[in-house]
N, C-alpha and C. Protein backbone atom coordinates (compact mmCIF):
# COMPACT_ATOMS: atom_id res chain seq x y z
N UNK A 1 129.48 104.10 81.43
CA UNK A 1 130.42 103.10 81.89
C UNK A 1 131.02 103.59 83.20
N UNK A 2 131.24 102.69 84.11
CA UNK A 2 131.80 103.07 85.39
C UNK A 2 133.27 103.45 85.25
N UNK A 3 133.73 104.28 86.18
CA UNK A 3 135.14 104.66 86.19
C UNK A 3 136.03 103.46 86.42
N UNK A 4 135.52 102.49 87.20
CA UNK A 4 136.28 101.27 87.47
C UNK A 4 136.53 100.52 86.17
N UNK A 5 135.47 100.34 85.38
CA UNK A 5 135.61 99.65 84.10
C UNK A 5 136.50 100.45 83.15
N UNK A 6 136.32 101.76 83.11
CA UNK A 6 137.11 102.59 82.21
C UNK A 6 138.59 102.52 82.54
N UNK A 7 138.92 102.56 83.82
CA UNK A 7 140.32 102.46 84.24
C UNK A 7 140.90 101.10 83.85
N UNK A 8 140.13 100.05 84.07
CA UNK A 8 140.58 98.71 83.73
C UNK A 8 140.80 98.58 82.23
N UNK A 9 139.88 99.11 81.43
CA UNK A 9 140.02 99.06 79.98
C UNK A 9 141.26 99.82 79.53
N UNK A 10 141.48 101.00 80.08
CA UNK A 10 142.65 101.80 79.71
C UNK A 10 143.94 101.04 80.00
N UNK A 11 143.99 100.40 81.16
CA UNK A 11 145.18 99.63 81.51
C UNK A 11 145.37 98.45 80.57
N UNK A 12 144.28 97.79 80.21
CA UNK A 12 144.38 96.66 79.28
C UNK A 12 144.86 97.13 77.91
N UNK A 13 144.31 98.23 77.43
CA UNK A 13 144.71 98.76 76.13
C UNK A 13 146.16 99.20 76.12
N UNK A 14 146.68 99.57 77.29
CA UNK A 14 148.09 99.96 77.40
C UNK A 14 149.01 98.75 77.49
N UNK A 15 148.42 97.55 77.47
CA UNK A 15 149.24 96.33 77.50
C UNK A 15 149.56 95.81 78.88
N UNK A 16 148.87 96.27 79.89
CA UNK A 16 149.09 95.85 81.27
C UNK A 16 148.53 94.44 81.46
N UNK A 17 149.42 93.45 81.56
CA UNK A 17 149.00 92.05 81.70
C UNK A 17 148.27 91.80 83.01
N UNK A 18 148.66 92.52 84.07
CA UNK A 18 147.96 92.36 85.35
C UNK A 18 146.52 92.83 85.23
N UNK A 19 146.30 93.87 84.44
CA UNK A 19 144.93 94.37 84.23
C UNK A 19 144.10 93.33 83.47
N UNK A 20 144.71 92.67 82.48
CA UNK A 20 144.00 91.62 81.75
C UNK A 20 143.61 90.49 82.70
N UNK A 21 144.55 90.10 83.54
CA UNK A 21 144.26 89.04 84.52
C UNK A 21 143.13 89.47 85.45
N UNK A 22 143.16 90.72 85.88
CA UNK A 22 142.11 91.24 86.76
C UNK A 22 140.77 91.27 86.04
N UNK A 23 140.77 91.70 84.80
CA UNK A 23 139.54 91.76 84.02
C UNK A 23 138.93 90.36 83.89
N UNK A 24 139.74 89.39 83.57
CA UNK A 24 139.24 88.02 83.42
C UNK A 24 138.74 87.50 84.76
N UNK A 25 139.48 87.77 85.83
CA UNK A 25 139.05 87.32 87.16
C UNK A 25 137.73 87.99 87.56
N UNK A 26 137.61 89.28 87.27
CA UNK A 26 136.41 90.02 87.66
C UNK A 26 135.17 89.56 86.92
N UNK A 27 135.32 89.21 85.65
CA UNK A 27 134.15 88.95 84.82
C UNK A 27 133.95 87.49 84.44
N UNK A 28 134.84 86.60 84.82
CA UNK A 28 134.65 85.19 84.46
C UNK A 28 133.43 84.60 85.15
N UNK A 29 133.14 85.03 86.37
CA UNK A 29 131.95 84.54 87.06
C UNK A 29 130.67 84.89 86.32
N UNK A 30 130.63 86.09 85.76
CA UNK A 30 129.48 86.52 84.97
C UNK A 30 129.32 85.63 83.74
N UNK A 31 130.41 85.39 83.04
CA UNK A 31 130.37 84.56 81.83
C UNK A 31 129.94 83.13 82.18
N UNK A 32 130.55 82.56 83.23
CA UNK A 32 130.22 81.19 83.60
C UNK A 32 128.78 81.06 84.06
N UNK A 33 128.27 82.05 84.81
CA UNK A 33 126.89 81.93 85.27
C UNK A 33 125.91 81.97 84.10
N UNK A 34 126.20 82.78 83.12
CA UNK A 34 125.33 82.83 81.94
C UNK A 34 125.40 81.53 81.17
N UNK A 35 126.61 81.01 81.00
CA UNK A 35 126.77 79.75 80.27
C UNK A 35 126.11 78.58 81.00
N UNK A 36 126.28 78.52 82.32
CA UNK A 36 125.68 77.42 83.10
C UNK A 36 124.16 77.50 83.05
N UNK A 37 123.61 78.71 83.16
CA UNK A 37 122.16 78.86 83.14
C UNK A 37 121.59 78.61 81.74
N UNK A 38 122.46 78.57 80.76
CA UNK A 38 122.02 78.22 79.41
C UNK A 38 121.98 76.71 79.23
N UNK A 39 122.40 75.99 80.26
CA UNK A 39 122.35 74.53 80.22
C UNK A 39 123.60 73.87 79.70
N UNK A 40 124.70 74.60 79.66
CA UNK A 40 125.94 74.03 79.15
C UNK A 40 126.69 73.26 80.23
N UNK A 41 127.45 72.26 79.79
CA UNK A 41 128.30 71.50 80.70
C UNK A 41 129.51 72.36 81.08
N UNK A 42 130.21 72.02 82.15
CA UNK A 42 131.38 72.81 82.57
C UNK A 42 132.43 72.98 81.47
N UNK A 43 132.69 71.92 80.70
CA UNK A 43 133.68 72.05 79.63
C UNK A 43 133.20 73.01 78.54
N UNK A 44 131.91 73.02 78.28
CA UNK A 44 131.36 73.96 77.31
C UNK A 44 131.42 75.39 77.85
N UNK A 45 131.22 75.54 79.15
CA UNK A 45 131.33 76.86 79.77
C UNK A 45 132.75 77.40 79.63
N UNK A 46 133.73 76.50 79.79
CA UNK A 46 135.13 76.91 79.58
C UNK A 46 135.34 77.42 78.17
N UNK A 47 134.77 76.70 77.20
CA UNK A 47 134.90 77.12 75.80
C UNK A 47 134.25 78.48 75.57
N UNK A 48 133.07 78.67 76.13
CA UNK A 48 132.37 79.95 75.98
C UNK A 48 133.22 81.08 76.57
N UNK A 49 133.78 80.84 77.75
CA UNK A 49 134.61 81.88 78.39
C UNK A 49 135.81 82.22 77.52
N UNK A 50 136.46 81.20 76.96
CA UNK A 50 137.61 81.47 76.09
C UNK A 50 137.21 82.31 74.88
N UNK A 51 136.10 81.98 74.28
CA UNK A 51 135.64 82.72 73.11
C UNK A 51 135.29 84.16 73.48
N UNK A 52 134.56 84.33 74.58
CA UNK A 52 134.15 85.68 75.00
C UNK A 52 135.37 86.55 75.24
N UNK A 53 136.35 86.04 75.96
CA UNK A 53 137.52 86.86 76.27
C UNK A 53 138.43 87.04 75.05
N UNK A 54 138.44 86.08 74.13
CA UNK A 54 139.18 86.26 72.88
C UNK A 54 138.55 87.37 72.03
N UNK A 55 137.23 87.40 71.98
CA UNK A 55 136.54 88.46 71.26
C UNK A 55 136.82 89.80 71.94
N UNK A 56 136.80 89.81 73.25
CA UNK A 56 137.06 91.04 73.99
C UNK A 56 138.45 91.60 73.69
N UNK A 57 139.44 90.73 73.59
CA UNK A 57 140.79 91.18 73.25
C UNK A 57 140.79 91.93 71.93
N UNK A 58 140.07 91.40 70.96
CA UNK A 58 140.03 92.02 69.63
C UNK A 58 139.20 93.30 69.60
N UNK A 59 138.18 93.37 70.45
CA UNK A 59 137.23 94.49 70.34
C UNK A 59 137.23 95.44 71.53
N UNK A 60 138.18 95.33 72.40
CA UNK A 60 138.16 96.13 73.62
C UNK A 60 138.13 97.63 73.36
N UNK A 61 138.86 98.09 72.39
CA UNK A 61 138.88 99.54 72.13
C UNK A 61 137.51 100.05 71.69
N UNK A 62 136.71 99.23 71.05
CA UNK A 62 135.38 99.69 70.64
C UNK A 62 134.37 99.58 71.78
N UNK A 63 134.61 98.74 72.75
CA UNK A 63 133.71 98.60 73.90
C UNK A 63 133.75 99.87 74.73
N UNK A 64 134.89 100.47 74.83
CA UNK A 64 135.11 101.61 75.71
C UNK A 64 134.08 102.71 75.55
N UNK A 65 133.71 103.05 74.32
CA UNK A 65 132.84 104.19 74.10
C UNK A 65 131.37 103.80 73.90
N UNK A 66 131.07 102.53 73.80
CA UNK A 66 129.72 102.14 73.44
C UNK A 66 128.83 101.81 74.63
N UNK A 67 129.32 101.07 75.57
CA UNK A 67 128.47 100.58 76.64
C UNK A 67 129.31 100.09 77.80
N UNK A 68 128.67 99.68 78.86
CA UNK A 68 129.43 99.20 80.01
C UNK A 68 130.12 97.89 79.67
N UNK A 69 131.25 97.70 80.26
CA UNK A 69 132.01 96.47 80.03
C UNK A 69 131.20 95.25 80.47
N UNK A 70 130.58 95.32 81.64
CA UNK A 70 129.79 94.18 82.14
C UNK A 70 128.65 93.86 81.20
N UNK A 71 127.97 94.87 80.69
CA UNK A 71 126.87 94.64 79.76
C UNK A 71 127.34 94.01 78.47
N UNK A 72 128.48 94.49 77.96
CA UNK A 72 129.03 93.94 76.72
C UNK A 72 129.41 92.47 76.92
N UNK A 73 130.07 92.20 78.03
CA UNK A 73 130.49 90.82 78.31
C UNK A 73 129.27 89.92 78.46
N UNK A 74 128.24 90.39 79.16
CA UNK A 74 127.03 89.59 79.35
C UNK A 74 126.35 89.29 78.02
N UNK A 75 126.23 90.29 77.18
CA UNK A 75 125.60 90.09 75.87
C UNK A 75 126.40 89.11 75.02
N UNK A 76 127.70 89.27 75.02
CA UNK A 76 128.56 88.37 74.24
C UNK A 76 128.50 86.95 74.80
N UNK A 77 128.47 86.82 76.12
CA UNK A 77 128.38 85.49 76.74
C UNK A 77 127.06 84.81 76.38
N UNK A 78 125.97 85.57 76.38
CA UNK A 78 124.67 84.98 76.00
C UNK A 78 124.71 84.47 74.57
N UNK A 79 125.27 85.28 73.67
CA UNK A 79 125.36 84.87 72.26
C UNK A 79 126.22 83.63 72.10
N UNK A 80 127.37 83.61 72.77
CA UNK A 80 128.27 82.46 72.63
C UNK A 80 127.70 81.22 73.30
N UNK A 81 126.99 81.39 74.40
CA UNK A 81 126.34 80.24 75.05
C UNK A 81 125.26 79.68 74.13
N UNK A 82 124.53 80.55 73.48
CA UNK A 82 123.50 80.11 72.53
C UNK A 82 124.14 79.33 71.39
N UNK A 83 125.26 79.86 70.85
CA UNK A 83 125.96 79.16 69.77
C UNK A 83 126.47 77.80 70.23
N UNK A 84 127.03 77.76 71.43
CA UNK A 84 127.54 76.49 71.95
C UNK A 84 126.40 75.50 72.16
N UNK A 85 125.29 75.99 72.66
CA UNK A 85 124.12 75.12 72.88
C UNK A 85 123.61 74.59 71.55
N UNK A 86 123.54 75.46 70.55
CA UNK A 86 123.08 75.05 69.23
C UNK A 86 124.05 74.03 68.62
N UNK A 87 125.35 74.27 68.80
CA UNK A 87 126.35 73.33 68.30
C UNK A 87 126.28 71.99 69.00
N UNK A 88 126.01 72.00 70.31
CA UNK A 88 125.89 70.76 71.06
C UNK A 88 124.67 69.97 70.62
N UNK A 89 123.60 70.66 70.29
CA UNK A 89 122.39 69.97 69.84
C UNK A 89 122.64 69.27 68.51
N UNK A 90 123.49 69.84 67.68
CA UNK A 90 123.80 69.24 66.40
C UNK A 90 124.70 68.01 66.55
N UNK A 91 125.40 67.93 67.69
CA UNK A 91 126.32 66.81 67.92
C UNK A 91 125.94 66.05 69.18
N UNK A 92 124.68 65.70 69.32
CA UNK A 92 124.21 64.97 70.51
C UNK A 92 124.91 63.63 70.62
N UNK A 93 125.02 63.19 71.85
CA UNK A 93 125.61 61.88 72.07
C UNK A 93 124.63 60.80 71.62
N UNK A 94 125.12 59.60 71.50
CA UNK A 94 124.27 58.50 71.06
C UNK A 94 123.11 58.27 72.01
N UNK A 95 123.32 58.57 73.29
CA UNK A 95 122.24 58.35 74.26
C UNK A 95 121.14 59.40 74.13
N UNK A 96 121.45 60.50 73.46
CA UNK A 96 120.46 61.54 73.28
C UNK A 96 120.25 62.39 74.52
N UNK A 97 121.12 62.25 75.52
CA UNK A 97 120.98 63.00 76.76
C UNK A 97 121.46 64.43 76.56
N UNK A 98 120.62 65.36 76.98
CA UNK A 98 121.00 66.78 76.94
C UNK A 98 120.81 67.35 78.33
N UNK A 99 121.58 68.39 78.63
CA UNK A 99 121.37 69.05 79.90
C UNK A 99 120.17 69.98 79.77
N UNK A 100 119.45 70.14 80.87
CA UNK A 100 118.26 71.00 80.86
C UNK A 100 118.70 72.46 80.77
N UNK A 101 118.03 73.20 79.95
CA UNK A 101 118.35 74.61 79.80
C UNK A 101 117.61 75.42 80.84
N UNK A 102 118.35 76.24 81.57
CA UNK A 102 117.75 77.13 82.54
C UNK A 102 117.79 78.53 81.94
N UNK A 103 116.66 79.16 81.75
CA UNK A 103 116.68 80.48 81.14
C UNK A 103 117.38 81.49 82.04
N UNK A 104 118.12 82.40 81.42
CA UNK A 104 118.80 83.45 82.15
C UNK A 104 117.82 84.61 82.27
N UNK A 105 117.33 84.83 83.48
CA UNK A 105 116.36 85.91 83.67
C UNK A 105 117.08 87.25 83.73
N UNK A 106 116.34 88.32 83.49
CA UNK A 106 116.91 89.65 83.58
C UNK A 106 117.43 89.92 84.99
N UNK A 107 116.71 89.42 86.00
CA UNK A 107 117.14 89.62 87.39
C UNK A 107 118.45 88.89 87.66
N UNK A 108 118.59 87.66 87.14
CA UNK A 108 119.84 86.92 87.31
C UNK A 108 120.99 87.63 86.61
N UNK A 109 120.73 88.11 85.41
CA UNK A 109 121.75 88.81 84.65
C UNK A 109 122.17 90.09 85.37
N UNK A 110 121.20 90.84 85.85
CA UNK A 110 121.49 92.08 86.58
C UNK A 110 122.31 91.79 87.84
N UNK A 111 121.94 90.72 88.56
CA UNK A 111 122.67 90.33 89.76
C UNK A 111 124.12 89.97 89.40
N UNK A 112 124.31 89.22 88.34
CA UNK A 112 125.66 88.83 87.93
C UNK A 112 126.48 90.05 87.53
N UNK A 113 125.86 91.00 86.85
CA UNK A 113 126.57 92.23 86.46
C UNK A 113 126.97 93.02 87.70
N UNK A 114 126.05 93.15 88.65
CA UNK A 114 126.36 93.88 89.89
C UNK A 114 127.48 93.20 90.67
N UNK A 115 127.47 91.87 90.70
CA UNK A 115 128.54 91.15 91.39
C UNK A 115 129.88 91.40 90.72
N UNK A 116 129.90 91.42 89.40
CA UNK A 116 131.13 91.70 88.68
C UNK A 116 131.61 93.12 88.95
N UNK A 117 130.69 94.08 89.00
CA UNK A 117 131.05 95.45 89.29
C UNK A 117 131.58 95.59 90.72
N UNK A 118 130.97 94.86 91.66
CA UNK A 118 131.45 94.90 93.03
C UNK A 118 132.86 94.33 93.11
N UNK A 119 133.10 93.22 92.45
CA UNK A 119 134.45 92.64 92.47
C UNK A 119 135.47 93.60 91.84
N UNK A 120 135.06 94.34 90.81
CA UNK A 120 135.95 95.33 90.21
C UNK A 120 136.27 96.43 91.20
N UNK A 121 135.28 96.88 91.94
CA UNK A 121 135.49 97.93 92.94
C UNK A 121 136.37 97.42 94.08
N UNK A 122 136.14 96.18 94.52
CA UNK A 122 136.97 95.60 95.59
C UNK A 122 138.42 95.51 95.13
N UNK A 123 138.63 95.22 93.87
CA UNK A 123 140.00 95.11 93.34
C UNK A 123 140.76 96.42 93.42
N UNK A 124 140.06 97.54 93.52
CA UNK A 124 140.72 98.85 93.61
C UNK A 124 141.10 99.23 95.04
N UNK A 125 140.66 98.45 96.02
CA UNK A 125 141.04 98.70 97.41
C UNK A 125 142.51 98.35 97.62
N UNK A 126 143.10 98.91 98.68
CA UNK A 126 144.47 98.51 99.00
C UNK A 126 144.46 97.03 99.42
N UNK A 127 145.62 96.43 99.45
CA UNK A 127 145.73 94.98 99.67
C UNK A 127 145.07 94.55 100.98
N UNK A 128 145.31 95.27 102.07
CA UNK A 128 144.75 94.87 103.36
C UNK A 128 143.22 94.94 103.34
N UNK A 129 142.67 96.03 102.81
CA UNK A 129 141.22 96.16 102.75
C UNK A 129 140.61 95.11 101.83
N UNK A 130 141.24 94.89 100.68
CA UNK A 130 140.73 93.91 99.73
C UNK A 130 140.68 92.53 100.39
N UNK A 131 141.75 92.16 101.06
CA UNK A 131 141.80 90.84 101.69
C UNK A 131 140.76 90.73 102.80
N UNK A 132 140.59 91.81 103.59
CA UNK A 132 139.61 91.81 104.67
C UNK A 132 138.19 91.66 104.12
N UNK A 133 137.85 92.44 103.10
CA UNK A 133 136.51 92.38 102.51
C UNK A 133 136.27 91.01 101.90
N UNK A 134 137.25 90.48 101.20
CA UNK A 134 137.09 89.15 100.60
C UNK A 134 136.87 88.09 101.66
N UNK A 135 137.65 88.14 102.75
CA UNK A 135 137.50 87.15 103.81
C UNK A 135 136.14 87.25 104.50
N UNK A 136 135.71 88.49 104.77
CA UNK A 136 134.47 88.67 105.53
C UNK A 136 133.21 88.50 104.70
N UNK A 137 133.27 88.86 103.41
CA UNK A 137 132.02 88.93 102.64
C UNK A 137 132.01 88.12 101.35
N UNK A 138 133.15 87.75 100.82
CA UNK A 138 133.15 87.15 99.48
C UNK A 138 133.65 85.71 99.46
N UNK A 139 133.64 85.06 100.60
CA UNK A 139 134.01 83.65 100.65
C UNK A 139 132.78 82.83 101.04
N UNK A 140 132.84 81.56 100.80
CA UNK A 140 131.72 80.66 101.09
C UNK A 140 131.34 80.72 102.56
N UNK A 141 132.34 80.59 103.43
CA UNK A 141 132.09 80.60 104.87
C UNK A 141 132.80 81.81 105.47
N UNK A 142 132.11 82.50 106.36
CA UNK A 142 132.71 83.64 107.03
C UNK A 142 133.58 83.13 108.17
N UNK A 143 134.87 83.44 108.13
CA UNK A 143 135.76 82.95 109.18
C UNK A 143 135.57 83.73 110.49
N UNK A 144 136.05 83.17 111.56
CA UNK A 144 136.04 83.84 112.86
C UNK A 144 137.02 85.01 112.80
N UNK A 145 136.80 86.01 113.64
CA UNK A 145 137.69 87.17 113.67
C UNK A 145 139.14 86.78 113.97
N UNK A 146 139.34 85.74 114.77
CA UNK A 146 140.70 85.28 115.07
C UNK A 146 141.40 84.82 113.78
N UNK A 147 140.67 84.11 112.93
CA UNK A 147 141.24 83.64 111.67
C UNK A 147 141.54 84.82 110.75
N UNK A 148 140.61 85.79 110.70
CA UNK A 148 140.79 86.96 109.86
C UNK A 148 142.01 87.75 110.33
N UNK A 149 142.10 87.94 111.65
CA UNK A 149 143.21 88.69 112.22
C UNK A 149 144.54 88.02 111.87
N UNK A 150 144.59 86.71 111.98
CA UNK A 150 145.82 85.98 111.67
C UNK A 150 146.16 86.09 110.19
N UNK A 151 145.15 86.01 109.34
CA UNK A 151 145.39 86.05 107.89
C UNK A 151 145.89 87.42 107.43
N UNK A 152 145.43 88.47 108.10
CA UNK A 152 145.77 89.83 107.67
C UNK A 152 146.90 90.42 108.50
N UNK A 153 147.14 89.87 109.68
CA UNK A 153 148.18 90.39 110.54
C UNK A 153 147.71 91.57 111.37
N UNK A 154 146.46 91.55 111.79
CA UNK A 154 145.90 92.60 112.63
C UNK A 154 145.51 92.01 113.98
N UNK A 155 145.39 92.89 114.97
CA UNK A 155 144.85 92.47 116.25
C UNK A 155 143.35 92.25 116.09
N UNK A 156 142.80 91.31 116.83
CA UNK A 156 141.38 91.00 116.72
C UNK A 156 140.54 92.24 116.96
N UNK A 157 140.92 93.08 117.90
CA UNK A 157 140.18 94.29 118.21
C UNK A 157 140.22 95.34 117.11
N UNK A 158 141.12 95.18 116.16
CA UNK A 158 141.23 96.13 115.04
C UNK A 158 140.35 95.77 113.86
N UNK A 159 139.83 94.57 113.84
CA UNK A 159 139.07 94.11 112.68
C UNK A 159 137.84 94.99 112.44
N UNK A 160 137.04 95.25 113.47
CA UNK A 160 135.82 96.04 113.32
C UNK A 160 136.09 97.44 112.77
N UNK A 161 136.96 98.22 113.42
CA UNK A 161 137.25 99.56 112.91
C UNK A 161 137.87 99.55 111.51
N UNK A 162 138.74 98.58 111.25
CA UNK A 162 139.36 98.47 109.92
C UNK A 162 138.29 98.13 108.89
N UNK A 163 137.38 97.23 109.25
CA UNK A 163 136.29 96.87 108.35
C UNK A 163 135.45 98.10 108.01
N UNK A 164 135.14 98.93 109.01
CA UNK A 164 134.35 100.14 108.75
C UNK A 164 135.07 101.07 107.78
N UNK A 165 136.36 101.28 107.98
CA UNK A 165 137.12 102.16 107.07
C UNK A 165 137.16 101.57 105.66
N UNK A 166 137.35 100.27 105.57
CA UNK A 166 137.41 99.61 104.26
C UNK A 166 136.07 99.68 103.54
N UNK A 167 134.99 99.46 104.27
CA UNK A 167 133.66 99.55 103.65
C UNK A 167 133.37 100.99 103.20
N UNK A 168 133.78 101.97 104.00
CA UNK A 168 133.59 103.37 103.61
C UNK A 168 134.36 103.67 102.32
N UNK A 169 135.57 103.16 102.23
CA UNK A 169 136.37 103.36 101.01
C UNK A 169 135.73 102.65 99.82
N UNK A 170 135.20 101.45 100.03
CA UNK A 170 134.53 100.70 98.97
C UNK A 170 133.30 101.46 98.48
N UNK A 171 132.52 101.99 99.41
CA UNK A 171 131.35 102.78 99.03
C UNK A 171 131.76 103.99 98.21
N UNK A 172 132.85 104.63 98.61
CA UNK A 172 133.37 105.79 97.87
C UNK A 172 133.76 105.40 96.44
N UNK A 173 134.43 104.28 96.29
CA UNK A 173 134.83 103.80 94.96
C UNK A 173 133.60 103.52 94.10
N UNK A 174 132.61 102.88 94.70
CA UNK A 174 131.39 102.55 93.95
C UNK A 174 130.66 103.82 93.54
N UNK A 175 130.58 104.78 94.44
CA UNK A 175 129.91 106.05 94.10
C UNK A 175 130.66 106.78 92.98
N UNK A 176 131.98 106.79 93.05
CA UNK A 176 132.78 107.43 92.01
C UNK A 176 132.57 106.75 90.66
N UNK A 177 132.31 105.45 90.71
CA UNK A 177 132.10 104.69 89.49
C UNK A 177 130.71 104.92 88.92
N UNK A 178 129.85 105.55 89.70
CA UNK A 178 128.49 105.82 89.23
C UNK A 178 127.55 104.67 89.39
N UNK A 179 127.93 103.65 90.15
CA UNK A 179 127.05 102.50 90.36
C UNK A 179 126.09 102.80 91.49
N UNK A 180 125.01 102.04 91.55
CA UNK A 180 124.02 102.23 92.61
C UNK A 180 124.46 101.54 93.88
């Protein structure tokens, strides 16, 4: 298990509500992607996410020593998505319309796990670096440097060097966590 996940789990077990919020934010994308690729509707994906995180609350202390948090969440999400899909099939609408099931490939699952791990590592950056990395790399559209500078309160000429320092720190966090 990565140090990032271990630290997050320890904080959650200590009752840190901010850590719980961070955990849910970090891993909800993984849960939703698995549920969507299982062919579930958005409302069913919401249900799957609620169930997965409710189970995690009850079993978090046992997850710590057994396997990676991302792997546990992915496995639980697959099981709950399967249950939701099976339940939906039993209660089909009168029209008989079902959503097409898209199989979750190992490559897709691995990508989703890596994305969750990256978001966990980004969350450990200081506020300025986290905001810079999110703006430059984790948003739909990459903003112009002028927009980034205004959002963070830096001079435009400082964005490049600050980005380099932030990326170096992110790489250090990822290496410490034992991720590739």
